Amino acid sequence: MKLLAQLRNPVLPDLLGGGENIGPETYNTGGTAAGKLIGSLVGAIFIFSFLMAFIYLLLGAFNWITSGGDKAKLEHARDMITQAIVGIIIAAAAWAIVKLAGSFLGLDLEALPIPTIQ
């Protein structure tokens, strides 16, 4: 049974030692791969939130232009624009808090180290 435990996939780098190690300079091994995935997901969420708030702002502006003087449509468009601006402010504040916390804690969110067995 111990012999089967020694079999390795030749395509993947050897993470636990005992053989040829391709090295971290060519592959994201260990904790850096998961950290980069988490950092990329957080970045994608921020980009998505900014884009959605901006699109909502554009829709509010379009509704404002096409309201034709109707008070109800104009009020709805004004509410959409206000909500979009608040959304942009919240997304920017969240991004700033994440960056500030990362700098205070000494963490790089794009390469967040996650402890692994070595």
PDB file of N, CA and C in Angstrom:
ATOM      1  N   MET A   1       0.812  -1.182   0.000  1.00  0.00           N
ATOM      2  CA  MET A   1       0.000   0.000   0.000  1.00  0.00           C
ATOM      3  C   MET A   1       0.860   1.252   0.000  1.00  0.00           C
ATOM      4  N   LYS A   2       2.031   1.213   0.655  1.00  0.00           N
ATOM      5  CA  LYS A   2       2.907   2.381   0.677  1.00  0.00           C
ATOM      6  C   LYS A   2       3.415   2.712  -0.719  1.00  0.00           C
ATOM      7  N   LEU A   3       3.523   1.719  -1.571  1.00  0.00           N
ATOM      8  CA  LEU A   3       3.987   1.964  -2.931  1.00  0.00           C
ATOM      9  C   LEU A   3       2.972   2.810  -3.692  1.00  0.00           C
ATOM     10  N   LEU A   4       1.684   2.555  -3.510  1.00  0.00           N
ATOM     11  CA  LEU A   4       0.662   3.338  -4.192  1.00  0.00           C
ATOM     12  C   LEU A   4       0.633   4.775  -3.697  1.00  0.00           C
ATOM     13  N   ALA A   5       0.995   4.994  -2.461  1.00  0.00           N
ATOM     14  CA  ALA A   5       0.999   6.349  -1.926  1.00  0.00           C
ATOM     15  C   ALA A   5       2.109   7.194  -2.540  1.00  0.00           C
ATOM     16  N   GLN A   6       3.096   6.557  -3.155  1.00  0.00           N
ATOM     17  CA  GLN A   6       4.212   7.288  -3.738  1.00  0.00           C
ATOM     18  C   GLN A   6       3.970   7.699  -5.187  1.00  0.00           C
ATOM     19  N   LEU A   7       2.875   7.253  -5.783  1.00  0.00           N
ATOM     20  CA  LEU A   7       2.596   7.623  -7.167  1.00  0.00           C
ATOM     21  C   LEU A   7       2.241   9.098  -7.258  1.00  0.00           C
ATOM     22  N   ARG A   8       2.770   9.754  -8.276  1.00  0.00           N
ATOM     23  CA  ARG A   8       2.523  11.179  -8.468  1.00  0.00           C
ATOM     24  C   ARG A   8       2.031  11.432  -9.880  1.00  0.00           C
ATOM     25  N   ASN A   9       1.312  12.518 -10.024  1.00  0.00           N
ATOM     26  CA  ASN A   9       0.860  12.940 -11.339  1.00  0.00           C
ATOM     27  C   ASN A   9       2.019  13.671 -12.011  1.00  0.00           C
ATOM     28  N   PRO A  10       2.495  13.196 -13.167  1.00  0.00           N
ATOM     29  CA  PRO A  10       3.656  13.842 -13.794  1.00  0.00           C
ATOM     30  C   PRO A  10       3.343  15.227 -14.368  1.00  0.00           C
ATOM     31  N   VAL A  11       2.079  15.567 -14.528  1.00  0.00           N
ATOM     32  CA  VAL A  11       1.719  16.869 -15.086  1.00  0.00           C
ATOM     33  C   VAL A  11       1.798  17.959 -14.030  1.00  0.00           C
ATOM     34  N   LEU A  12       1.429  17.625 -12.787  1.00  0.00           N
ATOM     35  CA  LEU A  12       1.409  18.604 -11.708  1.00  0.00           C
ATOM     36  C   LEU A  12       2.764  18.672 -11.019  1.00  0.00           C
ATOM     37  N   PRO A  13       3.131  19.843 -10.495  1.00  0.00           N
ATOM     38  CA  PRO A  13       4.391  19.925  -9.755  1.00  0.00           C
ATOM     39  C   PRO A  13       4.298  19.157  -8.441  1.00  0.00           C
ATOM     40  N   ASP A  14       5.439  18.694  -7.993  1.00  0.00           N
ATOM     41  CA  ASP A  14       5.507  17.932  -6.753  1.00  0.00           C
ATOM     42  C   ASP A  14       5.456  18.896  -5.571  1.00  0.00           C
ATOM     43  N   LEU A  15       4.361  18.851  -4.809  1.00  0.00           N
ATOM     44  CA  LEU A  15       4.164  19.810  -3.723  1.00  0.00           C
ATOM     45  C   LEU A  15       4.737  19.339  -2.400  1.00  0.00           C
ATOM     46  N   LEU A  16       4.857  18.047  -2.202  1.00  0.00           N
ATOM     47  CA  LEU A  16       5.254  17.534  -0.897  1.00  0.00           C
ATOM     48  C   LEU A  16       6.696  17.053  -0.849  1.00  0.00           C
ATOM     49  N   GLY A  17       7.471  17.306  -1.866  1.00  0.00           N
ATOM     50  CA  GLY A  17       8.880  16.929  -1.856  1.00  0.00           C
ATOM     51  C   GLY A  17       9.086  15.489  -2.280  1.00  0.00           C
ATOM     52  N   GLY A  18      10.346  15.089  -2.368  1.00  0.00           N
ATOM     53  CA  GLY A  18      10.673  13.723  -2.739  1.00  0.00           C
ATOM     54  C   GLY A  18      10.634  13.530  -4.240  1.00  0.00           C
ATOM     55  N   GLY A  19      11.420  14.235  -4.957  1.00  0.00           N
ATOM     56  CA  GLY A  19      11.446  14.101  -6.403  1.00  0.00           C
ATOM     57  C   GLY A  19      11.767  15.431  -7.044  1.00  0.00           C
ATOM     58  N   GLU A  20      11.430  15.525  -8.300  1.00  0.00           N
ATOM     59  CA  GLU A  20      11.713  16.738  -9.044  1.00  0.00           C
ATOM     60  C   GLU A  20      10.694  17.818  -8.694  1.00  0.00           C
ATOM     61  N   ASN A  21      11.152  18.952  -8.293  1.00  0.00           N
ATOM     62  CA  ASN A  21      10.256  20.055  -7.955  1.00  0.00           C
ATOM     63  C   ASN A  21      10.445  21.154  -8.986  1.00  0.00           C
ATOM     64  N   ILE A  22       9.372  21.507  -9.668  1.00  0.00           N
ATOM     65  CA  ILE A  22       9.461  22.519 -10.713  1.00  0.00           C
ATOM     66  C   ILE A  22       9.698  23.889 -10.094  1.00  0.00           C
ATOM     67  N   GLY A  23       9.106  24.158  -8.949  1.00  0.00           N
ATOM     68  CA  GLY A  23       9.395  25.383  -8.225  1.00  0.00           C
ATOM     69  C   GLY A  23       8.312  26.434  -8.325  1.00  0.00           C
ATOM     70  N   PRO A  24       8.281  27.325  -7.345  1.00  0.00           N
ATOM     71  CA  PRO A  24       7.244  28.354  -7.302  1.00  0.00           C
ATOM     72  C   PRO A  24       7.429  29.438  -8.354  1.00  0.00           C
ATOM     73  N   GLU A  25       8.618  29.529  -8.963  1.00  0.00           N
ATOM     74  CA  GLU A  25       8.801  30.564  -9.967  1.00  0.00           C
ATOM     75  C   GLU A  25       8.077  30.246 -11.273  1.00  0.00           C
ATOM     76  N   THR A  26       7.727  28.988 -11.491  1.00  0.00           N
ATOM     77  CA  THR A  26       7.004  28.640 -12.711  1.00  0.00           C
ATOM     78  C   THR A  26       5.544  28.308 -12.464  1.00  0.00           C
ATOM     79  N   TYR A  27       5.208  27.865 -11.258  1.00  0.00           N
ATOM     80  CA  TYR A  27       3.830  27.508 -10.937  1.00  0.00           C
ATOM     81  C   TYR A  27       3.427  28.163  -9.629  1.00  0.00           C
ATOM     82  N   ASN A  28       2.147  28.430  -9.478  1.00  0.00           N
ATOM     83  CA  ASN A  28       1.618  28.901  -8.196  1.00  0.00           C
ATOM     84  C   ASN A  28       1.315  27.675  -7.350  1.00  0.00           C
ATOM     85  N   THR A  29       2.238  27.332  -6.476  1.00  0.00           N
ATOM     86  CA  THR A  29       2.063  26.137  -5.666  1.00  0.00           C
ATOM     87  C   THR A  29       1.732  26.525  -4.238  1.00  0.00           C
ATOM     88  N   GLY A  30       1.243  25.558  -3.504  1.00  0.00           N
ATOM     89  CA  GLY A  30       0.981  25.766  -2.090  1.00  0.00           C
ATOM     90  C   GLY A  30      -0.084  26.806  -1.835  1.00  0.00           C
ATOM     91  N   GLY A  31       0.186  27.676  -0.872  1.00  0.00           N
ATOM     92  CA  GLY A  31      -0.794  28.654  -0.443  1.00  0.00           C
ATOM     93  C   GLY A  31      -0.982  29.833  -1.374  1.00  0.00           C
ATOM     94  N   THR A  32      -0.041  30.093  -2.287  1.00  0.00           N
ATOM     95  CA  THR A  32      -0.185  31.275  -3.132  1.00  0.00           C
ATOM     96  C   THR A  32      -1.252  31.093  -4.194  1.00  0.00           C
ATOM     97  N   ALA A  33      -1.495  29.872  -4.646  1.00  0.00           N
ATOM     98  CA  ALA A  33      -2.510  29.665  -5.687  1.00  0.00           C
ATOM     99  C   ALA A  33      -3.903  29.990  -5.159  1.00  0.00           C
ATOM    100  N   ALA A  34      -4.223  29.511  -3.976  1.00  0.00           N
ATOM    101  CA  ALA A  34      -5.535  29.803  -3.390  1.00  0.00           C
ATOM    102  C   ALA A  34      -5.645  31.279  -3.029  1.00  0.00           C
ATOM    103  N   GLY A  35      -4.559  31.864  -2.570  1.00  0.00           N
ATOM    104  CA  GLY A  35      -4.568  33.286  -2.238  1.00  0.00           C
ATOM    105  C   GLY A  35      -4.807  34.160  -3.453  1.00  0.00           C
ATOM    106  N   LYS A  36      -4.179  33.796  -4.570  1.00  0.00           N
ATOM    107  CA  LYS A  36      -4.404  34.563  -5.800  1.00  0.00           C
ATOM    108  C   LYS A  36      -5.830  34.392  -6.299  1.00  0.00           C
ATOM    109  N   LEU A  37      -6.393  33.212  -6.107  1.00  0.00           N
ATOM    110  CA  LEU A  37      -7.782  32.989  -6.499  1.00  0.00           C
ATOM    111  C   LEU A  37      -8.715  33.863  -5.665  1.00  0.00           C
ATOM    112  N   ILE A  38      -8.495  33.911  -4.368  1.00  0.00           N
ATOM    113  CA  ILE A  38      -9.327  34.741  -3.490  1.00  0.00           C
ATOM    114  C   ILE A  38      -9.162  36.214  -3.847  1.00  0.00           C
ATOM    115  N   GLY A  39      -7.930  36.648  -4.074  1.00  0.00           N
ATOM    116  CA  GLY A  39      -7.687  38.032  -4.458  1.00  0.00           C
ATOM    117  C   GLY A  39      -8.344  38.393  -5.775  1.00  0.00           C
ATOM    118  N   SER A  40      -8.309  37.472  -6.727  1.00  0.00           N
ATOM    119  CA  SER A  40      -8.950  37.723  -8.020  1.00  0.00           C
ATOM    120  C   SER A  40     -10.460  37.800  -7.880  1.00  0.00           C
ATOM    121  N   LEU A  41     -11.034  36.942  -7.045  1.00  0.00           N
ATOM    122  CA  LEU A  41     -12.484  36.983  -6.838  1.00  0.00           C
ATOM    123  C   LEU A  41     -12.919  38.286  -6.170  1.00  0.00           C
ATOM    124  N   VAL A  42     -12.163  38.733  -5.186  1.00  0.00           N
ATOM    125  CA  VAL A  42     -12.499  39.997  -4.520  1.00  0.00           C
ATOM    126  C   VAL A  42     -12.389  41.156  -5.506  1.00  0.00           C
ATOM    127  N   GLY A  43     -11.345  41.154  -6.320  1.00  0.00           N
ATOM    128  CA  GLY A  43     -11.198  42.196  -7.337  1.00  0.00           C
ATOM    129  C   GLY A  43     -12.330  42.174  -8.349  1.00  0.00           C
ATOM    130  N   ALA A  44     -12.740  40.969  -8.758  1.00  0.00           N
ATOM    131  CA  ALA A  44     -13.850  40.855  -9.708  1.00  0.00           C
ATOM    132  C   ALA A  44     -15.158  41.351  -9.098  1.00  0.00           C
ATOM    133  N   ILE A  45     -15.360  41.093  -7.816  1.00  0.00           N
ATOM    134  CA  ILE A  45     -16.578  41.579  -7.145  1.00  0.00           C
ATOM    135  C   ILE A  45     -16.591  43.104  -7.106  1.00  0.00           C
ATOM    136  N   PHE A  46     -15.437  43.721  -6.827  1.00  0.00           N
ATOM    137  CA  PHE A  46     -15.377  45.184  -6.818  1.00  0.00           C
ATOM    138  C   PHE A  46     -15.638  45.756  -8.210  1.00  0.00           C
ATOM    139  N   ILE A  47     -15.042  45.175  -9.222  1.00  0.00           N
ATOM    140  CA  ILE A  47     -15.266  45.651 -10.591  1.00  0.00           C
ATOM    141  C   ILE A  47     -16.728  45.499 -10.969  1.00  0.00           C
ATOM    142  N   PHE A  48     -17.321  44.355 -10.640  1.00  0.00           N
ATOM    143  CA  PHE A  48     -18.730  44.121 -10.955  1.00  0.00           C
ATOM    144  C   PHE A  48     -19.627  45.130 -10.249  1.00  0.00           C
ATOM    145  N   SER A  49     -19.330  45.420  -8.978  1.00  0.00           N
ATOM    146  CA  SER A  49     -20.178  46.368  -8.243  1.00  0.00           C
ATOM    147  C   SER A  49     -20.058  47.777  -8.816  1.00  0.00           C
ATOM    148  N   PHE A  50     -18.853  48.198  -9.191  1.00  0.00           N
ATOM    149  CA  PHE A  50     -18.696  49.509  -9.815  1.00  0.00           C
ATOM    150  C   PHE A  50     -19.436  49.573 -11.149  1.00  0.00           C
ATOM    151  N   LEU A  51     -19.313  48.523 -11.950  1.00  0.00           N
ATOM    152  CA  LEU A  51     -19.990  48.517 -13.253  1.00  0.00           C
ATOM    153  C   LEU A  51     -21.508  48.548 -13.105  1.00  0.00           C
ATOM    154  N   MET A  52     -22.036  47.775 -12.173  1.00  0.00           N
ATOM    155  CA  MET A  52     -23.493  47.760 -11.992  1.00  0.00           C
ATOM    156  C   MET A  52     -24.001  49.112 -11.502  1.00  0.00           C
ATOM    157  N   ALA A  53     -23.277  49.743 -10.601  1.00  0.00           N
ATOM    158  CA  ALA A  53     -23.696  51.063 -10.122  1.00  0.00           C
ATOM    159  C   ALA A  53     -23.617  52.096 -11.241  1.00  0.00           C
ATOM    160  N   PHE A  54     -22.596  52.006 -12.076  1.00  0.00           N
ATOM    161  CA  PHE A  54     -22.468  52.946 -13.189  1.00  0.00           C
ATOM    162  C   PHE A  54     -23.571  52.730 -14.222  1.00  0.00           C
ATOM    163  N   ILE A  55     -23.894  51.469 -14.508  1.00  0.00           N
ATOM    164  CA  ILE A  55     -24.990  51.182 -15.446  1.00  0.00           C
ATOM    165  C   ILE A  55     -26.312  51.688 -14.881  1.00  0.00           C
ATOM    166  N   TYR A  56     -26.520  51.520 -13.590  1.00  0.00           N
ATOM    167  CA  TYR A  56     -27.739  52.024 -12.949  1.00  0.00           C
ATOM    168  C   TYR A  56     -27.789  53.550 -13.022  1.00  0.00           C
ATOM    169  N   LEU A  57     -26.627  54.193 -12.895  1.00  0.00           N
ATOM    170  CA  LEU A  57     -26.553  55.649 -13.043  1.00  0.00           C
ATOM    171  C   LEU A  57     -26.930  56.069 -14.459  1.00  0.00           C
ATOM    172  N   LEU A  58     -26.423  55.348 -15.448  1.00  0.00           N
ATOM    173  CA  LEU A  58     -26.764  55.661 -16.839  1.00  0.00           C
ATOM    174  C   LEU A  58     -28.247  55.441 -17.116  1.00  0.00           C
ATOM    175  N   LEU A  59     -28.828  54.386 -16.547  1.00  0.00           N
ATOM    176  CA  LEU A  59     -30.266  54.160 -16.722  1.00  0.00           C
ATOM    177  C   LEU A  59     -31.080  55.278 -16.077  1.00  0.00           C
ATOM    178  N   GLY A  60     -30.651  55.743 -14.924  1.00  0.00           N
ATOM    179  CA  GLY A  60     -31.335  56.862 -14.281  1.00  0.00           C
ATOM    180  C   GLY A  60     -31.244  58.128 -15.117  1.00  0.00           C
ATOM    181  N   ALA A  61     -30.068  58.368 -15.703  1.00  0.00           N
ATOM    182  CA  ALA A  61     -29.909  59.540 -16.567  1.00  0.00           C
ATOM    183  C   ALA A  61     -30.777  59.416 -17.815  1.00  0.00           C
ATOM    184  N   PHE A  62     -30.852  58.214 -18.380  1.00  0.00           N
ATOM    185  CA  PHE A  62     -31.702  57.999 -19.556  1.00  0.00           C
ATOM    186  C   PHE A  62     -33.172  58.223 -19.200  1.00  0.00           C
ATOM    187  N   ASN A  63     -33.591  57.721 -18.049  1.00  0.00           N
ATOM    188  CA  ASN A  63     -34.976  57.938 -17.610  1.00  0.00           C
ATOM    189  C   ASN A  63     -35.253  59.421 -17.354  1.00  0.00           C
ATOM    190  N   TRP A  64     -34.258  60.134 -16.855  1.00  0.00           N
ATOM    191  CA  TRP A  64     -34.416  61.570 -16.624  1.00  0.00           C
ATOM    192  C   TRP A  64     -34.646  62.295 -17.956  1.00  0.00           C
ATOM    193  N   ILE A  65     -33.823  61.939 -18.947  1.00  0.00           N
ATOM    194  CA  ILE A  65     -33.926  62.599 -20.252  1.00  0.00           C
ATOM    195  C   ILE A  65     -35.252  62.280 -20.929  1.00  0.00           C
ATOM    196  N   THR A  66     -35.694  61.032 -20.809  1.00  0.00           N
ATOM    197  CA  THR A  66     -36.917  60.614 -21.509  1.00  0.00           C
ATOM    198  C   THR A  66     -38.174  60.784 -20.665  1.00  0.00           C
ATOM    199  N   SER A  67     -38.090  61.463 -19.535  1.00  0.00           N
ATOM    200  CA  SER A  67     -39.277  61.617 -18.683  1.00  0.00           C
ATOM    201  C   SER A  67     -40.325  62.515 -19.325  1.00  0.00           C
ATOM    202  N   GLY A  68     -39.920  63.419 -20.161  1.00  0.00           N
ATOM    203  CA  GLY A  68     -40.872  64.267 -20.870  1.00  0.00           C
ATOM    204  C   GLY A  68     -41.649  65.196 -19.958  1.00  0.00           C
ATOM    205  N   GLY A  69     -41.082  65.575 -18.840  1.00  0.00           N
ATOM    206  CA  GLY A  69     -41.751  66.492 -17.932  1.00  0.00           C
ATOM    207  C   GLY A  69     -42.717  65.834 -16.963  1.00  0.00           C
ATOM    208  N   ASP A  70     -42.875  64.508 -17.044  1.00  0.00           N
ATOM    209  CA  ASP A  70     -43.760  63.791 -16.126  1.00  0.00           C
ATOM    210  C   ASP A  70     -43.113  63.760 -14.737  1.00  0.00           C
ATOM    211  N   LYS A  71     -43.837  64.262 -13.742  1.00  0.00           N
ATOM    212  CA  LYS A  71     -43.289  64.376 -12.383  1.00  0.00           C
ATOM    213  C   LYS A  71     -42.916  63.018 -11.788  1.00  0.00           C
ATOM    214  N   ALA A  72     -43.765  62.007 -11.990  1.00  0.00           N
ATOM    215  CA  ALA A  72     -43.510  60.681 -11.410  1.00  0.00           C
ATOM    216  C   ALA A  72     -42.261  60.054 -12.024  1.00  0.00           C
ATOM    217  N   LYS A  73     -42.125  60.153 -13.352  1.00  0.00           N
ATOM    218  CA  LYS A  73     -40.943  59.594 -14.013  1.00  0.00           C
ATOM    219  C   LYS A  73     -39.680  60.351 -13.613  1.00  0.00           C
ATOM    220  N   LEU A  74     -39.802  61.654 -13.477  1.00  0.00           N
ATOM    221  CA  LEU A  74     -38.659  62.465 -13.083  1.00  0.00           C
ATOM    222  C   LEU A  74     -38.204  62.120 -11.658  1.00  0.00           C
ATOM    223  N   GLU A  75     -39.155  61.917 -10.765  1.00  0.00           N
ATOM    224  CA  GLU A  75     -38.833  61.530  -9.388  1.00  0.00           C
ATOM    225  C   GLU A  75     -38.186  60.139  -9.345  1.00  0.00           C
ATOM    226  N   HIS A  76     -38.697  59.221 -10.159  1.00  0.00           N
ATOM    227  CA  HIS A  76     -38.118  57.873 -10.227  1.00  0.00           C
ATOM    228  C   HIS A  76     -36.686  57.932 -10.766  1.00  0.00           C
ATOM    229  N   ALA A  77     -36.465  58.745 -11.784  1.00  0.00           N
ATOM    230  CA  ALA A  77     -35.120  58.884 -12.348  1.00  0.00           C
ATOM    231  C   ALA A  77     -34.170  59.510 -11.327  1.00  0.00           C
ATOM    232  N   ARG A  78     -34.639  60.496 -10.581  1.00  0.00           N
ATOM    233  CA  ARG A  78     -33.812  61.128  -9.556  1.00  0.00           C
ATOM    234  C   ARG A  78     -33.446  60.111  -8.470  1.00  0.00           C
ATOM    235  N   ASP A  79     -34.395  59.276  -8.084  1.00  0.00           N
ATOM    236  CA  ASP A  79     -34.110  58.232  -7.092  1.00  0.00           C
ATOM    237  C   ASP A  79     -33.084  57.233  -7.614  1.00  0.00           C
ATOM    238  N   MET A  80     -33.195  56.865  -8.889  1.00  0.00           N
ATOM    239  CA  MET A  80     -32.226  55.929  -9.475  1.00  0.00           C
ATOM    240  C   MET A  80     -30.821  56.524  -9.462  1.00  0.00           C
ATOM    241  N   ILE A  81     -30.711  57.789  -9.826  1.00  0.00           N
ATOM    242  CA  ILE A  81     -29.400  58.440  -9.849  1.00  0.00           C
ATOM    243  C   ILE A  81     -28.828  58.534  -8.437  1.00  0.00           C
ATOM    244  N   THR A  82     -29.661  58.881  -7.476  1.00  0.00           N
ATOM    245  CA  THR A  82     -29.205  58.964  -6.083  1.00  0.00           C
ATOM    246  C   THR A  82     -28.737  57.601  -5.580  1.00  0.00           C
ATOM    247  N   GLN A  83     -29.498  56.557  -5.871  1.00  0.00           N
ATOM    248  CA  GLN A  83     -29.122  55.215  -5.434  1.00  0.00           C
ATOM    249  C   GLN A  83     -27.832  54.754  -6.106  1.00  0.00           C
ATOM    250  N   ALA A  84     -27.645  55.101  -7.374  1.00  0.00           N
ATOM    251  CA  ALA A  84     -26.422  54.720  -8.075  1.00  0.00           C
ATOM    252  C   ALA A  84     -25.208  55.425  -7.475  1.00  0.00           C
ATOM    253  N   ILE A  85     -25.354  56.696  -7.153  1.00  0.00           N
ATOM    254  CA  ILE A  85     -24.238  57.436  -6.551  1.00  0.00           C
ATOM    255  C   ILE A  85     -23.904  56.869  -5.172  1.00  0.00           C
ATOM    256  N   VAL A  86     -24.920  56.533  -4.398  1.00  0.00           N
ATOM    257  CA  VAL A  86     -24.682  55.903  -3.090  1.00  0.00           C
ATOM    258  C   VAL A  86     -23.987  54.552  -3.274  1.00  0.00           C
ATOM    259  N   GLY A  87     -24.388  53.788  -4.281  1.00  0.00           N
ATOM    260  CA  GLY A  87     -23.742  52.505  -4.559  1.00  0.00           C
ATOM    261  C   GLY A  87     -22.285  52.665  -4.934  1.00  0.00           C
ATOM    262  N   ILE A  88     -21.975  53.672  -5.743  1.00  0.00           N
ATOM    263  CA  ILE A  88     -20.583  53.926  -6.117  1.00  0.00           C
ATOM    264  C   ILE A  88     -19.772  54.331  -4.888  1.00  0.00           C
ATOM    265  N   ILE A  89     -20.356  55.155  -4.030  1.00  0.00           N
ATOM    266  CA  ILE A  89     -19.651  55.577  -2.809  1.00  0.00           C
ATOM    267  C   ILE A  89     -19.399  54.383  -1.887  1.00  0.00           C
ATOM    268  N   ILE A  90     -20.389  53.513  -1.740  1.00  0.00           N
ATOM    269  CA  ILE A  90     -20.218  52.329  -0.886  1.00  0.00           C
ATOM    270  C   ILE A  90     -19.160  51.395  -1.459  1.00  0.00           C
ATOM    271  N   ALA A  91     -19.179  51.176  -2.782  1.00  0.00           N
ATOM    272  CA  ALA A  91     -18.182  50.302  -3.405  1.00  0.00           C
ATOM    273  C   ALA A  91     -16.780  50.893  -3.267  1.00  0.00           C
ATOM    274  N   ALA A  92     -16.654  52.207  -3.450  1.00  0.00           N
ATOM    275  CA  ALA A  92     -15.344  52.846  -3.304  1.00  0.00           C
ATOM    276  C   ALA A  92     -14.861  52.777  -1.858  1.00  0.00           C
ATOM    277  N   ALA A  93     -15.772  52.964  -0.906  1.00  0.00           N
ATOM    278  CA  ALA A  93     -15.391  52.879   0.505  1.00  0.00           C
ATOM    279  C   ALA A  93     -14.969  51.458   0.874  1.00  0.00           C
ATOM    280  N   ALA A  94     -15.675  50.458   0.361  1.00  0.00           N
ATOM    281  CA  ALA A  94     -15.301  49.067   0.643  1.00  0.00           C
ATOM    282  C   ALA A  94     -13.931  48.747   0.057  1.00  0.00           C
ATOM    283  N   TRP A  95     -13.674  49.223  -1.159  1.00  0.00           N
ATOM    284  CA  TRP A  95     -12.370  49.001  -1.783  1.00  0.00           C
ATOM    285  C   TRP A  95     -11.272  49.676  -0.960  1.00  0.00           C
ATOM    286  N   ALA A  96     -11.527  50.908  -0.516  1.00  0.00           N
ATOM    287  CA  ALA A  96     -10.534  51.629   0.278  1.00  0.00           C
ATOM    288  C   ALA A  96     -10.288  50.941   1.620  1.00  0.00           C
ATOM    289  N   ILE A  97     -11.338  50.426   2.238  1.00  0.00           N
ATOM    290  CA  ILE A  97     -11.184  49.727   3.521  1.00  0.00           C
ATOM    291  C   ILE A  97     -10.356  48.459   3.348  1.00  0.00           C
ATOM    292  N   VAL A  98     -10.608  47.714   2.275  1.00  0.00           N
ATOM    293  CA  VAL A  98      -9.837  46.492   2.027  1.00  0.00           C
ATOM    294  C   VAL A  98      -8.372  46.831   1.782  1.00  0.00           C
ATOM    295  N   LYS A  99      -8.111  47.856   0.982  1.00  0.00           N
ATOM    296  CA  LYS A  99      -6.722  48.246   0.714  1.00  0.00           C
ATOM    297  C   LYS A  99      -6.037  48.777   1.978  1.00  0.00           C
ATOM    298  N   LEU A 100      -6.756  49.577   2.756  1.00  0.00           N
ATOM    299  CA  LEU A 100      -6.193  50.133   3.985  1.00  0.00           C
ATOM    300  C   LEU A 100      -5.911  49.034   5.009  1.00  0.00           C
ATOM    301  N   ALA A 101      -6.848  48.111   5.165  1.00  0.00           N
ATOM    302  CA  ALA A 101      -6.635  46.997   6.095  1.00  0.00           C
ATOM    303  C   ALA A 101      -5.475  46.126   5.628  1.00  0.00           C
ATOM    304  N   GLY A 102      -5.361  45.930   4.324  1.00  0.00           N
ATOM    305  CA  GLY A 102      -4.243  45.160   3.795  1.00  0.00           C
ATOM    306  C   GLY A 102      -2.903  45.820   4.065  1.00  0.00           C
ATOM    307  N   SER A 103      -2.859  47.150   3.943  1.00  0.00           N
ATOM    308  CA  SER A 103      -1.588  47.832   4.197  1.00  0.00           C
ATOM    309  C   SER A 103      -1.256  47.853   5.691  1.00  0.00           C
ATOM    310  N   PHE A 104      -2.274  47.976   6.548  1.00  0.00           N
ATOM    311  CA  PHE A 104      -2.020  47.946   7.993  1.00  0.00           C
ATOM    312  C   PHE A 104      -1.574  46.562   8.454  1.00  0.00           C
ATOM    313  N   LEU A 105      -2.176  45.526   7.895  1.00  0.00           N
ATOM    314  CA  LEU A 105      -1.844  44.167   8.307  1.00  0.00           C
ATOM    315  C   LEU A 105      -0.674  43.586   7.526  1.00  0.00           C
ATOM    316  N   GLY A 106      -0.207  44.302   6.521  1.00  0.00           N
ATOM    317  CA  GLY A 106       0.912  43.824   5.726  1.00  0.00           C
ATOM    318  C   GLY A 106       0.538  42.710   4.775  1.00  0.00           C
ATOM    319  N   LEU A 107      -0.708  42.688   4.326  1.00  0.00           N
ATOM    320  CA  LEU A 107      -1.172  41.645   3.418  1.00  0.00           C
ATOM    321  C   LEU A 107      -1.336  42.196   2.016  1.00  0.00           C
ATOM    322  N   ASP A 108      -0.915  41.419   1.048  1.00  0.00           N
ATOM    323  CA  ASP A 108      -1.158  41.752  -0.350  1.00  0.00           C
ATOM    324  C   ASP A 108      -2.323  40.891  -0.799  1.00  0.00           C
ATOM    325  N   LEU A 109      -3.471  41.516  -1.053  1.00  0.00           N
ATOM    326  CA  LEU A 109      -4.678  40.755  -1.355  1.00  0.00           C
ATOM    327  C   LEU A 109      -4.534  39.956  -2.643  1.00  0.00           C
ATOM    328  N   GLU A 110      -3.725  40.437  -3.588  1.00  0.00           N
ATOM    329  CA  GLU A 110      -3.560  39.709  -4.843  1.00  0.00           C
ATOM    330  C   GLU A 110      -2.752  38.429  -4.669  1.00  0.00           C
ATOM    331  N   ALA A 111      -1.961  38.332  -3.619  1.00  0.00           N
ATOM    332  CA  ALA A 111      -1.169  37.125  -3.354  1.00  0.00           C
ATOM    333  C   ALA A 111      -1.292  36.769  -1.880  1.00  0.00           C
ATOM    334  N   LEU A 112      -2.496  36.577  -1.431  1.00  0.00           N
ATOM    335  CA  LEU A 112      -2.771  36.294  -0.028  1.00  0.00           C
ATOM    336  C   LEU A 112      -2.172  34.943   0.354  1.00  0.00           C
ATOM    337  N   PRO A 113      -1.220  34.911   1.293  1.00  0.00           N
ATOM    338  CA  PRO A 113      -0.620  33.623   1.665  1.00  0.00           C
ATOM    339  C   PRO A 113      -1.550  32.812   2.560  1.00  0.00           C
ATOM    340  N   ILE A 114      -1.766  31.578   2.186  1.00  0.00           N
ATOM    341  CA  ILE A 114      -2.582  30.664   2.973  1.00  0.00           C
ATOM    342  C   ILE A 114      -1.671  29.520   3.417  1.00  0.00           C
ATOM    343  N   PRO A 115      -1.581  29.251   4.711  1.00  0.00           N
ATOM    344  CA  PRO A 115      -0.669  28.207   5.190  1.00  0.00           C
ATOM    345  C   PRO A 115      -1.025  26.829   4.633  1.00  0.00           C
ATOM    346  N   THR A 116      -0.009  26.090   4.240  1.00  0.00           N
ATOM    347  CA  THR A 116      -0.195  24.731   3.734  1.00  0.00           C
ATOM    348  C   THR A 116       0.818  23.811   4.397  1.00  0.00           C
ATOM    349  N   ILE A 117       0.612  22.538   4.230  1.00  0.00           N
ATOM    350  CA  ILE A 117       1.546  21.537   4.755  1.00  0.00           C
ATOM    351  C   ILE A 117       2.751  21.484   3.835  1.00  0.00           C
ATOM    352  N   GLN A 118       3.928  21.607   4.393  1.00  0.00           N
ATOM    353  CA  GLN A 118       5.158  21.555   3.588  1.00  0.00           C
ATOM    354  C   GLN A 118       5.917  20.291   3.878  1.00  0.00           C
TER     355      GLN A 118
END
